[in-house]
Amino acid sequence: MCRPQPHCQPRVQAAALAQINKVYEAAHLQDTTDKSQFKQTLHDATAEALDTGAIRLSQDQFVMGLGPESGPAAYQQYLKDAQFGSDRRSVAEMSPDQIATLRQSYQPRPGEEGAALIRRRQV
């Protein structure tokens, strides 16, 4: 005969599982909401970065919002977008030689990630 322990009492076990499911569901909902909010924030910040070159998100925010696997890479892309926005705004005040130097800095380099894709876009 079983002594009064949770694994011997189906009602207690069912109540415990129901509570665990509620906690898991709430955590999942919060995680989904946080990710959705970060994606909207990222969308807005990227548009601002492309327009003005301003950086308003930190790498920590990317890691928190996208996780440690994809956060750092996404942050690097965000920095590139901000630099592109800054460069684009400054072209109007550059000399032709400065513009040529800037264009050269955006040319793909062999072996660089995405170089083949950039070359295909230029053709």
C-alpha atoms as a PDB file:
ATOM      1  CA  MET A   1       0.000   0.000   0.000  1.00  0.00           C
ATOM      2  CA  CYS A   2       1.160   3.483  -0.876  1.00  0.00           C
ATOM      3  CA  ARG A   3       1.696   6.093   1.761  1.00  0.00           C
ATOM      4  CA  PRO A   4       0.231   9.546   1.029  1.00  0.00           C
ATOM      5  CA  GLN A   5       2.793  10.763  -1.517  1.00  0.00           C
ATOM      6  CA  PRO A   6       2.042  12.787  -4.672  1.00  0.00           C
ATOM      7  CA  HIS A   7       2.874   9.931  -7.054  1.00  0.00           C
ATOM      8  CA  CYS A   8       0.294   7.739  -5.266  1.00  0.00           C
ATOM      9  CA  GLN A   9      -2.477  10.330  -5.422  1.00  0.00           C
ATOM     10  CA  PRO A  10      -3.759  10.890  -8.976  1.00  0.00           C
ATOM     11  CA  ARG A  11      -5.676  14.059  -8.080  1.00  0.00           C
ATOM     12  CA  VAL A  12      -2.621  15.666  -6.470  1.00  0.00           C
ATOM     13  CA  GLN A  13      -0.476  14.612  -9.419  1.00  0.00           C
ATOM     14  CA  ALA A  14      -2.991  16.025 -11.926  1.00  0.00           C
ATOM     15  CA  ALA A  15      -3.181  19.328 -10.023  1.00  0.00           C
ATOM     16  CA  ALA A  16       0.609  19.574  -9.934  1.00  0.00           C
ATOM     17  CA  LEU A  17       0.855  18.902 -13.676  1.00  0.00           C
ATOM     18  CA  ALA A  18      -1.848  21.481 -14.360  1.00  0.00           C
ATOM     19  CA  GLN A  19       0.101  24.053 -12.344  1.00  0.00           C
ATOM     20  CA  ILE A  20       3.329  23.214 -14.174  1.00  0.00           C
ATOM     21  CA  ASN A  21       1.518  23.586 -17.507  1.00  0.00           C
ATOM     22  CA  LYS A  22       0.181  27.005 -16.480  1.00  0.00           C
ATOM     23  CA  VAL A  23       3.653  28.178 -15.518  1.00  0.00           C
ATOM     24  CA  TYR A  24       5.143  26.847 -18.772  1.00  0.00           C
ATOM     25  CA  GLU A  25       2.367  28.437 -20.832  1.00  0.00           C
ATOM     26  CA  ALA A  26       2.866  31.810 -19.135  1.00  0.00           C
ATOM     27  CA  ALA A  27       6.633  31.640 -19.687  1.00  0.00           C
ATOM     28  CA  HIS A  28       6.145  30.684 -23.339  1.00  0.00           C
ATOM     29  CA  LEU A  29       3.672  33.539 -23.855  1.00  0.00           C
ATOM     30  CA  GLN A  30       6.083  36.011 -22.240  1.00  0.00           C
ATOM     31  CA  ASP A  31       8.965  34.750 -24.387  1.00  0.00           C
ATOM     32  CA  THR A  32       6.874  35.064 -27.548  1.00  0.00           C
ATOM     33  CA  THR A  33       5.768  38.575 -26.588  1.00  0.00           C
ATOM     34  CA  ASP A  34       9.342  39.641 -25.793  1.00  0.00           C
ATOM     35  CA  LYS A  35      10.627  38.325 -29.130  1.00  0.00           C
ATOM     36  CA  SER A  36       7.832  40.033 -31.024  1.00  0.00           C
ATOM     37  CA  GLN A  37       8.505  43.336 -29.268  1.00  0.00           C
ATOM     38  CA  PHE A  38      12.230  43.063 -29.951  1.00  0.00           C
ATOM     39  CA  LYS A  39      11.620  42.343 -33.635  1.00  0.00           C
ATOM     40  CA  GLN A  40       9.475  45.478 -33.897  1.00  0.00           C
ATOM     41  CA  THR A  41      12.098  47.497 -32.029  1.00  0.00           C
ATOM     42  CA  LEU A  42      14.791  46.073 -34.325  1.00  0.00           C
ATOM     43  CA  HIS A  43      12.750  46.939 -37.407  1.00  0.00           C
ATOM     44  CA  ASP A  44      12.324  50.539 -36.218  1.00  0.00           C
ATOM     45  CA  ALA A  45      15.958  50.888 -35.111  1.00  0.00           C
ATOM     46  CA  THR A  46      17.247  49.476 -38.413  1.00  0.00           C
ATOM     47  CA  ALA A  47      15.125  51.935 -40.383  1.00  0.00           C
ATOM     48  CA  GLU A  48      16.485  54.749 -38.224  1.00  0.00           C
ATOM     49  CA  ALA A  49      20.058  53.488 -38.628  1.00  0.00           C
ATOM     50  CA  LEU A  50      19.721  53.348 -42.410  1.00  0.00           C
ATOM     51  CA  ASP A  51      18.221  56.822 -42.449  1.00  0.00           C
ATOM     52  CA  THR A  52      20.487  58.593 -39.963  1.00  0.00           C
ATOM     53  CA  GLY A  53      23.339  56.261 -39.045  1.00  0.00           C
ATOM     54  CA  ALA A  54      22.220  56.403 -35.403  1.00  0.00           C
ATOM     55  CA  ILE A  55      22.801  53.352 -33.220  1.00  0.00           C
ATOM     56  CA  ARG A  56      20.285  52.945 -30.411  1.00  0.00           C
ATOM     57  CA  LEU A  57      20.484  49.211 -29.653  1.00  0.00           C
ATOM     58  CA  SER A  58      23.308  47.421 -27.855  1.00  0.00           C
ATOM     59  CA  GLN A  59      24.742  43.988 -28.506  1.00  0.00           C
ATOM     60  CA  ASP A  60      23.296  42.865 -25.160  1.00  0.00           C
ATOM     61  CA  GLN A  61      19.827  43.764 -26.402  1.00  0.00           C
ATOM     62  CA  PHE A  62      20.388  41.635 -29.503  1.00  0.00           C
ATOM     63  CA  VAL A  63      21.546  38.673 -27.423  1.00  0.00           C
ATOM     64  CA  MET A  64      18.560  39.050 -25.086  1.00  0.00           C
ATOM     65  CA  GLY A  65      16.124  39.443 -27.986  1.00  0.00           C
ATOM     66  CA  LEU A  66      17.493  36.896 -30.451  1.00  0.00           C
ATOM     67  CA  GLY A  67      19.545  34.571 -28.296  1.00  0.00           C
ATOM     68  CA  PRO A  68      23.284  33.940 -28.006  1.00  0.00           C
ATOM     69  CA  GLU A  69      23.456  32.050 -31.312  1.00  0.00           C
ATOM     70  CA  SER A  70      22.073  34.669 -33.705  1.00  0.00           C
ATOM     71  CA  GLY A  71      22.200  37.850 -31.596  1.00  0.00           C
ATOM     72  CA  PRO A  72      25.878  38.768 -32.172  1.00  0.00           C
ATOM     73  CA  ALA A  73      25.669  38.247 -35.957  1.00  0.00           C
ATOM     74  CA  ALA A  74      22.461  40.271 -36.169  1.00  0.00           C
ATOM     75  CA  TYR A  75      24.136  43.041 -34.159  1.00  0.00           C
ATOM     76  CA  GLN A  76      27.059  43.130 -36.600  1.00  0.00           C
ATOM     77  CA  GLN A  77      24.595  43.484 -39.493  1.00  0.00           C
ATOM     78  CA  TYR A  78      22.839  46.286 -37.590  1.00  0.00           C
ATOM     79  CA  LEU A  79      26.181  48.106 -37.217  1.00  0.00           C
ATOM     80  CA  LYS A  80      26.820  47.699 -40.958  1.00  0.00           C
ATOM     81  CA  ASP A  81      23.368  49.139 -41.705  1.00  0.00           C
ATOM     82  CA  ALA A  82      24.081  52.102 -39.430  1.00  0.00           C
ATOM     83  CA  GLN A  83      27.438  52.705 -41.121  1.00  0.00           C
ATOM     84  CA  PHE A  84      25.794  52.516 -44.531  1.00  0.00           C
ATOM     85  CA  GLY A  85      23.169  55.049 -43.405  1.00  0.00           C
ATOM     86  CA  SER A  86      25.854  57.377 -42.119  1.00  0.00           C
ATOM     87  CA  ASP A  87      27.898  57.021 -45.301  1.00  0.00           C
ATOM     88  CA  ARG A  88      24.863  57.595 -47.501  1.00  0.00           C
ATOM     89  CA  ARG A  89      24.014  60.826 -45.679  1.00  0.00           C
ATOM     90  CA  SER A  90      27.560  62.145 -46.004  1.00  0.00           C
ATOM     91  CA  VAL A  91      27.975  61.505 -49.761  1.00  0.00           C
ATOM     92  CA  ALA A  92      26.437  64.882 -50.676  1.00  0.00           C
ATOM     93  CA  GLU A  93      29.302  66.670 -48.933  1.00  0.00           C
ATOM     94  CA  MET A  94      32.130  64.520 -50.347  1.00  0.00           C
ATOM     95  CA  SER A  95      34.527  65.211 -53.163  1.00  0.00           C
ATOM     96  CA  PRO A  96      34.569  62.817 -56.138  1.00  0.00           C
ATOM     97  CA  ASP A  97      37.760  61.197 -54.788  1.00  0.00           C
ATOM     98  CA  GLN A  98      36.151  60.654 -51.383  1.00  0.00           C
ATOM     99  CA  ILE A  99      33.098  59.124 -53.044  1.00  0.00           C
ATOM    100  CA  ALA A 100      35.312  56.780 -55.067  1.00  0.00           C
ATOM    101  CA  THR A 101      37.124  55.717 -51.882  1.00  0.00           C
ATOM    102  CA  LEU A 102      33.816  55.129 -50.142  1.00  0.00           C
ATOM    103  CA  ARG A 103      32.496  53.055 -53.056  1.00  0.00           C
ATOM    104  CA  GLN A 104      35.672  51.005 -53.010  1.00  0.00           C
ATOM    105  CA  SER A 105      35.154  50.257 -49.316  1.00  0.00           C
ATOM    106  CA  TYR A 106      31.817  48.647 -50.197  1.00  0.00           C
ATOM    107  CA  GLN A 107      33.264  46.377 -52.886  1.00  0.00           C
ATOM    108  CA  PRO A 108      33.291  42.687 -51.955  1.00  0.00           C
ATOM    109  CA  ARG A 109      36.614  41.134 -51.113  1.00  0.00           C
ATOM    110  CA  PRO A 110      37.364  37.550 -52.147  1.00  0.00           C
ATOM    111  CA  GLY A 111      36.740  35.117 -49.337  1.00  0.00           C
ATOM    112  CA  GLU A 112      34.546  37.545 -47.411  1.00  0.00           C
ATOM    113  CA  GLU A 113      31.165  36.274 -46.277  1.00  0.00           C
ATOM    114  CA  GLY A 114      28.518  37.213 -48.827  1.00  0.00           C
ATOM    115  CA  ALA A 115      31.019  38.256 -51.511  1.00  0.00           C
ATOM    116  CA  ALA A 116      29.468  35.974 -54.140  1.00  0.00           C
ATOM    117  CA  LEU A 117      25.978  37.316 -53.404  1.00  0.00           C
ATOM    118  CA  ILE A 118      27.177  40.920 -53.667  1.00  0.00           C
ATOM    119  CA  ARG A 119      28.886  40.178 -56.996  1.00  0.00           C
ATOM    120  CA  ARG A 120      25.675  38.619 -58.382  1.00  0.00           C
ATOM    121  CA  ARG A 121      23.727  41.759 -57.401  1.00  0.00           C
ATOM    122  CA  GLN A 122      26.212  43.944 -59.280  1.00  0.00           C
ATOM    123  CA  VAL A 123      25.861  42.036 -62.544  1.00  0.00           C
END
